[in-house]
N, C-alpha and C. Protein backbone atom coordinates (compact mmCIF):
# COMPACT_ATOMS: atom_id res chain seq x y z
N MET A 1 -26.23 5.85 16.72
CA MET A 1 -25.55 5.38 15.82
C MET A 1 -25.81 6.24 14.19
N ALA A 2 -27.29 6.32 14.24
CA ALA A 2 -27.92 6.99 12.93
C ALA A 2 -27.83 8.22 12.71
N LYS A 3 -26.58 8.98 13.58
CA LYS A 3 -26.80 10.04 13.69
C LYS A 3 -26.03 10.70 12.48
N GLY A 4 -26.74 11.37 11.55
CA GLY A 4 -25.73 12.34 10.68
C GLY A 4 -26.76 11.55 9.29
N TYR A 5 -27.10 10.62 9.45
CA TYR A 5 -27.63 10.09 8.15
C TYR A 5 -29.14 10.84 7.56
N PHE A 6 -29.67 10.71 6.49
CA PHE A 6 -30.55 11.35 5.92
C PHE A 6 -31.89 10.85 5.51
N GLY A 7 -32.85 11.36 5.78
CA GLY A 7 -34.48 10.78 5.55
C GLY A 7 -34.52 9.82 6.06
N SER A 8 -35.16 8.40 5.82
CA SER A 8 -35.80 7.64 7.13
C SER A 8 -34.72 6.62 7.20
N LYS A 9 -33.69 6.70 7.00
CA LYS A 9 -31.94 6.15 7.51
C LYS A 9 -32.05 6.66 8.66
N SER A 10 -32.47 7.91 9.36
CA SER A 10 -32.18 8.42 10.29
C SER A 10 -33.51 8.39 11.44
N ARG A 11 -34.80 8.39 10.53
CA ARG A 11 -35.89 8.13 11.54
C ARG A 11 -36.66 7.33 11.40
N ALA A 12 -36.59 6.17 10.78
CA ALA A 12 -37.31 5.07 10.99
C ALA A 12 -36.59 3.75 11.51
N TYR A 13 -36.93 3.38 12.80
CA TYR A 13 -35.64 2.55 13.64
C TYR A 13 -35.19 1.44 12.57
N THR A 14 -36.09 0.68 11.78
CA THR A 14 -36.00 -0.47 11.29
C THR A 14 -35.10 -0.34 10.08
N ILE A 15 -35.61 0.74 9.25
CA ILE A 15 -34.51 0.83 7.80
C ILE A 15 -32.79 1.53 8.67
N ALA A 16 -33.31 2.27 9.95
CA ALA A 16 -32.12 2.90 10.68
C ALA A 16 -31.17 0.94 10.59
N ALA A 17 -31.74 0.57 11.61
CA ALA A 17 -30.77 -0.56 12.45
C ALA A 17 -30.44 -1.46 10.99
N GLN A 18 -31.59 -1.10 9.92
CA GLN A 18 -30.49 -2.22 8.59
C GLN A 18 -29.50 -0.76 8.54
N GLN A 19 -29.77 -0.06 8.16
CA GLN A 19 -28.58 1.08 7.81
C GLN A 19 -27.34 0.98 8.90
N ILE A 20 -27.42 0.79 9.60
CA ILE A 20 -26.29 0.45 10.36
C ILE A 20 -25.47 -0.40 10.33
N LEU A 21 -26.11 -1.85 10.06
CA LEU A 21 -25.57 -3.05 10.40
C LEU A 21 -24.52 -3.00 8.74
N LYS A 22 -25.19 -2.57 8.05
CA LYS A 22 -24.81 -2.02 6.40
C LYS A 22 -23.55 -1.59 6.34
N SER A 23 -23.59 -0.26 7.47
CA SER A 23 -22.02 1.03 7.40
C SER A 23 -21.29 0.25 8.32
N LEU A 24 -21.65 -0.25 9.27
CA LEU A 24 -20.75 -1.72 9.92
C LEU A 24 -20.01 -2.38 9.11
N ALA A 25 -20.70 -2.91 8.25
CA ALA A 25 -19.79 -4.09 7.25
C ALA A 25 -19.29 -3.76 6.00
N TYR A 26 -19.32 -2.04 6.26
CA TYR A 26 -18.59 -1.26 4.81
C TYR A 26 -17.55 -1.00 5.53
N SER A 27 -17.84 -0.43 6.99
CA SER A 27 -16.51 0.34 7.28
C SER A 27 -15.72 -1.32 7.56
N TYR A 28 -16.03 -2.65 8.21
CA TYR A 28 -14.92 -3.26 8.31
C TYR A 28 -14.05 -3.68 7.27
N ILE A 29 -15.27 -3.90 5.87
CA ILE A 29 -14.47 -4.22 4.29
C ILE A 29 -13.45 -2.81 4.34
N GLY A 30 -13.62 -1.86 4.37
CA GLY A 30 -12.63 -0.84 4.56
C GLY A 30 -11.88 -0.71 5.01
N ARG A 31 -11.49 -1.46 6.09
CA ARG A 31 -10.52 -0.96 6.74
C ARG A 31 -9.60 -2.37 6.11
N LYS A 32 -9.86 -3.32 5.35
CA LYS A 32 -9.14 -4.17 4.88
C LYS A 32 -8.71 -4.19 3.56
N ASN A 33 -9.66 -2.98 2.62
CA ASN A 33 -9.17 -2.72 1.53
C ASN A 33 -8.14 -1.46 1.73
N LYS A 34 -8.45 -0.59 2.91
CA LYS A 34 -6.94 0.32 2.91
C LYS A 34 -5.78 -0.11 3.09
N LYS A 35 -5.46 -1.11 3.41
CA LYS A 35 -4.10 -1.73 3.69
C LYS A 35 -3.58 -1.98 2.29
N ARG A 36 -4.57 -2.68 1.17
CA ARG A 36 -4.45 -3.07 -0.06
C ARG A 36 -4.43 -2.07 -0.83
N ASP A 37 -4.76 -1.07 -0.47
CA ASP A 37 -4.62 0.41 -1.50
C ASP A 37 -3.27 0.83 -1.11
N PHE A 38 -2.40 1.15 0.26
CA PHE A 38 -1.18 1.48 0.55
C PHE A 38 -0.45 0.59 -0.41
N ARG A 39 -0.44 -1.10 -0.28
CA ARG A 39 0.81 -1.93 -0.70
C ARG A 39 1.19 -1.30 -2.39
N SER A 40 -0.54 -1.20 -2.97
CA SER A 40 -0.55 -1.22 -4.19
C SER A 40 0.33 0.17 -4.61
N LEU A 41 0.11 1.28 -3.63
CA LEU A 41 1.19 2.93 -3.36
C LEU A 41 2.11 2.75 -3.43
N TRP A 42 2.64 1.58 -2.62
CA TRP A 42 4.42 1.08 -2.13
C TRP A 42 4.68 0.82 -3.53
N ILE A 43 4.07 -0.05 -4.24
CA ILE A 43 4.25 -0.94 -5.28
C ILE A 43 4.65 0.11 -6.50
N ILE A 44 3.68 0.94 -6.90
CA ILE A 44 3.82 1.87 -7.93
C ILE A 44 4.99 3.17 -7.54
N ARG A 45 5.30 3.10 -6.16
CA ARG A 45 6.39 4.39 -6.45
C ARG A 45 7.48 3.72 -6.37
N LEU A 46 7.93 2.39 -5.91
CA LEU A 46 9.22 1.58 -5.86
C LEU A 46 9.33 1.55 -7.52
N ASN A 47 8.75 1.28 -8.12
CA ASN A 47 8.86 0.59 -9.59
C ASN A 47 9.24 2.19 -10.58
N ALA A 48 8.31 3.23 -10.15
CA ALA A 48 8.74 4.32 -10.50
C ALA A 48 10.18 5.01 -10.02
N ALA A 49 10.81 4.63 -9.05
CA ALA A 49 12.05 4.74 -8.28
C ALA A 49 13.31 3.85 -9.08
N ALA A 50 12.39 2.44 -8.95
CA ALA A 50 12.82 1.54 -9.86
C ALA A 50 14.03 1.90 -11.40
N ARG A 51 12.85 2.33 -11.94
CA ARG A 51 12.85 2.82 -13.24
C ARG A 51 13.84 3.57 -13.63
N LEU A 52 13.74 4.60 -12.62
CA LEU A 52 14.90 5.73 -12.70
C LEU A 52 16.31 5.70 -12.71
N ASN A 53 16.24 4.00 -11.59
CA ASN A 53 17.64 3.75 -11.62
C ASN A 53 18.22 2.74 -12.73
N GLY A 54 17.51 2.68 -13.74
CA GLY A 54 17.58 1.69 -14.69
C GLY A 54 17.44 0.05 -14.24
N ILE A 55 15.90 0.15 -13.51
CA ILE A 55 16.09 -1.86 -12.93
C ILE A 55 14.36 -1.66 -13.00
N SER A 56 13.79 -2.65 -13.45
CA SER A 56 11.96 -2.82 -13.16
C SER A 56 11.77 -3.12 -11.59
N TYR A 57 10.69 -2.98 -11.35
CA TYR A 57 10.36 -2.86 -9.80
C TYR A 57 10.56 -4.74 -9.74
N SER A 58 10.15 -5.42 -10.50
CA SER A 58 10.07 -7.05 -10.34
C SER A 58 11.26 -7.81 -10.25
N LYS A 59 12.61 -7.04 -10.89
CA LYS A 59 14.02 -7.46 -10.71
C LYS A 59 14.30 -6.56 -9.68
N LEU A 60 13.91 -5.58 -9.44
CA LEU A 60 14.54 -4.86 -8.01
C LEU A 60 13.89 -6.27 -6.29
N ILE A 61 13.39 -6.67 -6.98
CA ILE A 61 12.53 -7.08 -5.74
C ILE A 61 13.21 -8.73 -6.21
N CYS A 62 13.45 -9.52 -7.06
CA CYS A 62 14.66 -10.37 -7.35
C CYS A 62 15.68 -10.40 -6.65
N GLY A 63 16.00 -9.37 -7.15
CA GLY A 63 17.95 -9.60 -6.61
C GLY A 63 17.69 -8.61 -5.08
N LEU A 64 16.77 -8.45 -4.55
CA LEU A 64 16.83 -8.13 -3.34
C LEU A 64 16.33 -9.52 -2.48
N ASN A 65 15.78 -9.99 -3.57
CA ASN A 65 15.76 -11.63 -2.57
C ASN A 65 16.54 -12.23 -2.22
N LYS A 66 17.57 -12.45 -3.58
CA LYS A 66 18.83 -13.25 -3.88
C LYS A 66 19.80 -12.55 -3.00
N ALA A 67 19.68 -11.29 -2.42
CA ALA A 67 21.04 -10.95 -1.78
C ALA A 67 20.36 -11.48 -0.26
N ASN A 68 19.67 -11.46 0.16
CA ASN A 68 18.69 -11.97 1.15
C ASN A 68 18.53 -10.57 2.05
N ILE A 69 18.60 -9.30 1.54
CA ILE A 69 17.81 -8.44 2.04
C ILE A 69 16.56 -8.50 2.19
N LYS A 70 16.14 -8.38 3.56
CA LYS A 70 14.45 -8.63 4.25
C LYS A 70 14.27 -7.10 4.32
N ILE A 71 13.62 -6.24 3.52
CA ILE A 71 13.24 -5.04 3.80
C ILE A 71 11.85 -5.26 3.12
N ASN A 72 10.93 -4.36 4.35
CA ASN A 72 9.26 -4.45 3.36
C ASN A 72 9.36 -3.22 2.59
N ARG A 73 8.20 -3.33 1.55
CA ARG A 73 8.08 -2.08 0.71
C ARG A 73 7.71 -0.69 0.92
N LYS A 74 7.19 -0.70 2.75
CA LYS A 74 6.77 0.84 2.73
C LYS A 74 8.08 1.14 3.33
N SER A 75 9.21 0.38 3.74
CA SER A 75 9.97 0.77 4.28
C SER A 75 11.20 1.42 2.75
N LEU A 76 11.06 0.58 2.17
CA LEU A 76 11.66 1.13 0.42
C LEU A 76 11.14 1.99 -0.28
N SER A 77 10.11 1.96 0.18
CA SER A 77 9.25 3.45 -0.67
C SER A 77 9.74 4.69 -0.13
N GLU A 78 9.89 4.66 1.73
CA GLU A 78 9.86 5.98 2.00
C GLU A 78 11.71 6.00 2.16
N LEU A 79 11.97 5.06 1.98
CA LEU A 79 13.76 5.40 1.35
C LEU A 79 13.80 5.83 0.25
N ALA A 80 12.88 5.58 -0.98
CA ALA A 80 13.06 5.87 -2.26
C ALA A 80 12.52 7.47 -2.45
N ILE A 81 11.60 7.71 -1.60
CA ILE A 81 11.54 9.35 -1.33
C ILE A 81 12.13 9.88 -0.68
N LYS A 82 12.43 9.61 0.57
CA LYS A 82 13.36 10.63 1.49
C LYS A 82 14.72 10.21 1.14
N ASP A 83 15.37 9.57 0.76
CA ASP A 83 16.90 9.21 0.70
C ASP A 83 16.80 8.86 -0.32
N PRO A 84 17.15 9.63 -2.02
CA PRO A 84 17.33 8.88 -3.27
C PRO A 84 19.04 7.83 -3.37
N ALA A 85 19.55 8.37 -2.75
CA ALA A 85 21.10 8.09 -2.85
C ALA A 85 21.13 6.88 -2.40
N ALA A 86 20.37 6.01 -0.63
CA ALA A 86 20.28 5.67 -0.26
C ALA A 86 19.74 4.61 -1.03
N PHE A 87 18.54 4.75 -1.65
CA PHE A 87 17.85 4.06 -2.67
C PHE A 87 18.89 3.18 -3.68
N THR A 88 19.90 3.77 -4.35
CA THR A 88 20.34 4.15 -5.60
C THR A 88 21.50 2.71 -5.08
N GLU A 89 21.95 2.99 -3.93
CA GLU A 89 22.72 1.94 -3.51
C GLU A 89 21.75 0.42 -3.08
N VAL A 90 20.80 0.36 -2.48
CA VAL A 90 20.28 -0.59 -2.43
C VAL A 90 19.88 -1.23 -4.14
N VAL A 91 19.74 -0.45 -4.57
CA VAL A 91 19.36 -0.79 -6.36
C VAL A 91 20.54 -1.29 -7.61
N SER A 92 21.64 -0.62 -6.56
CA SER A 92 23.11 -1.12 -7.10
C SER A 92 23.11 -3.04 -6.53
N ILE A 93 22.97 -2.91 -5.47
CA ILE A 93 22.89 -4.25 -4.69
C ILE A 93 22.16 -5.23 -5.33
N ALA A 94 21.04 -5.09 -5.59
CA ALA A 94 19.94 -5.81 -6.43
C ALA A 94 20.46 -6.19 -7.60
N LYS A 95 20.82 -4.96 -8.45
CA LYS A 95 21.77 -5.51 -9.55
C LYS A 95 22.69 -6.60 -9.20
N SER A 96 23.53 -6.19 -8.83
CA SER A 96 24.89 -6.91 -8.54
C SER A 96 24.47 -8.49 -8.36
N ASN A 97 23.11 -8.93 -7.68
CA ASN A 97 22.97 -10.18 -7.28
C ASN A 97 22.36 -10.86 -8.45
N LEU A 98 21.87 -10.22 -9.29
CA LEU A 98 20.96 -10.44 -10.40
C LEU A 98 21.60 -11.70 -11.60
N ALA A 99 22.71 -10.89 -11.53
CA ALA A 99 23.29 -11.67 -12.66
C ALA A 99 24.06 -12.81 -12.04
């Protein structure tokens, strides 16, 4: 498992074993952080698209919750990128439910 490491991390058994354990821990943490990073990316995209339609991200989400529209941020982000006209309709629904 230490193949590709350089220096004593690939040659000395004890140090290689320690590095493998550390690497496995980092990979576990990295898999969790990847989910966090993607969610923040979707939120950034939604905020930018929502502001182009004259509303902030937080008001968009609040309006969608009041309208009882259950759509996740990943789908909303893809909708904003691929079909701006449909996203504008979603924003108008959120705006109408804010008042």
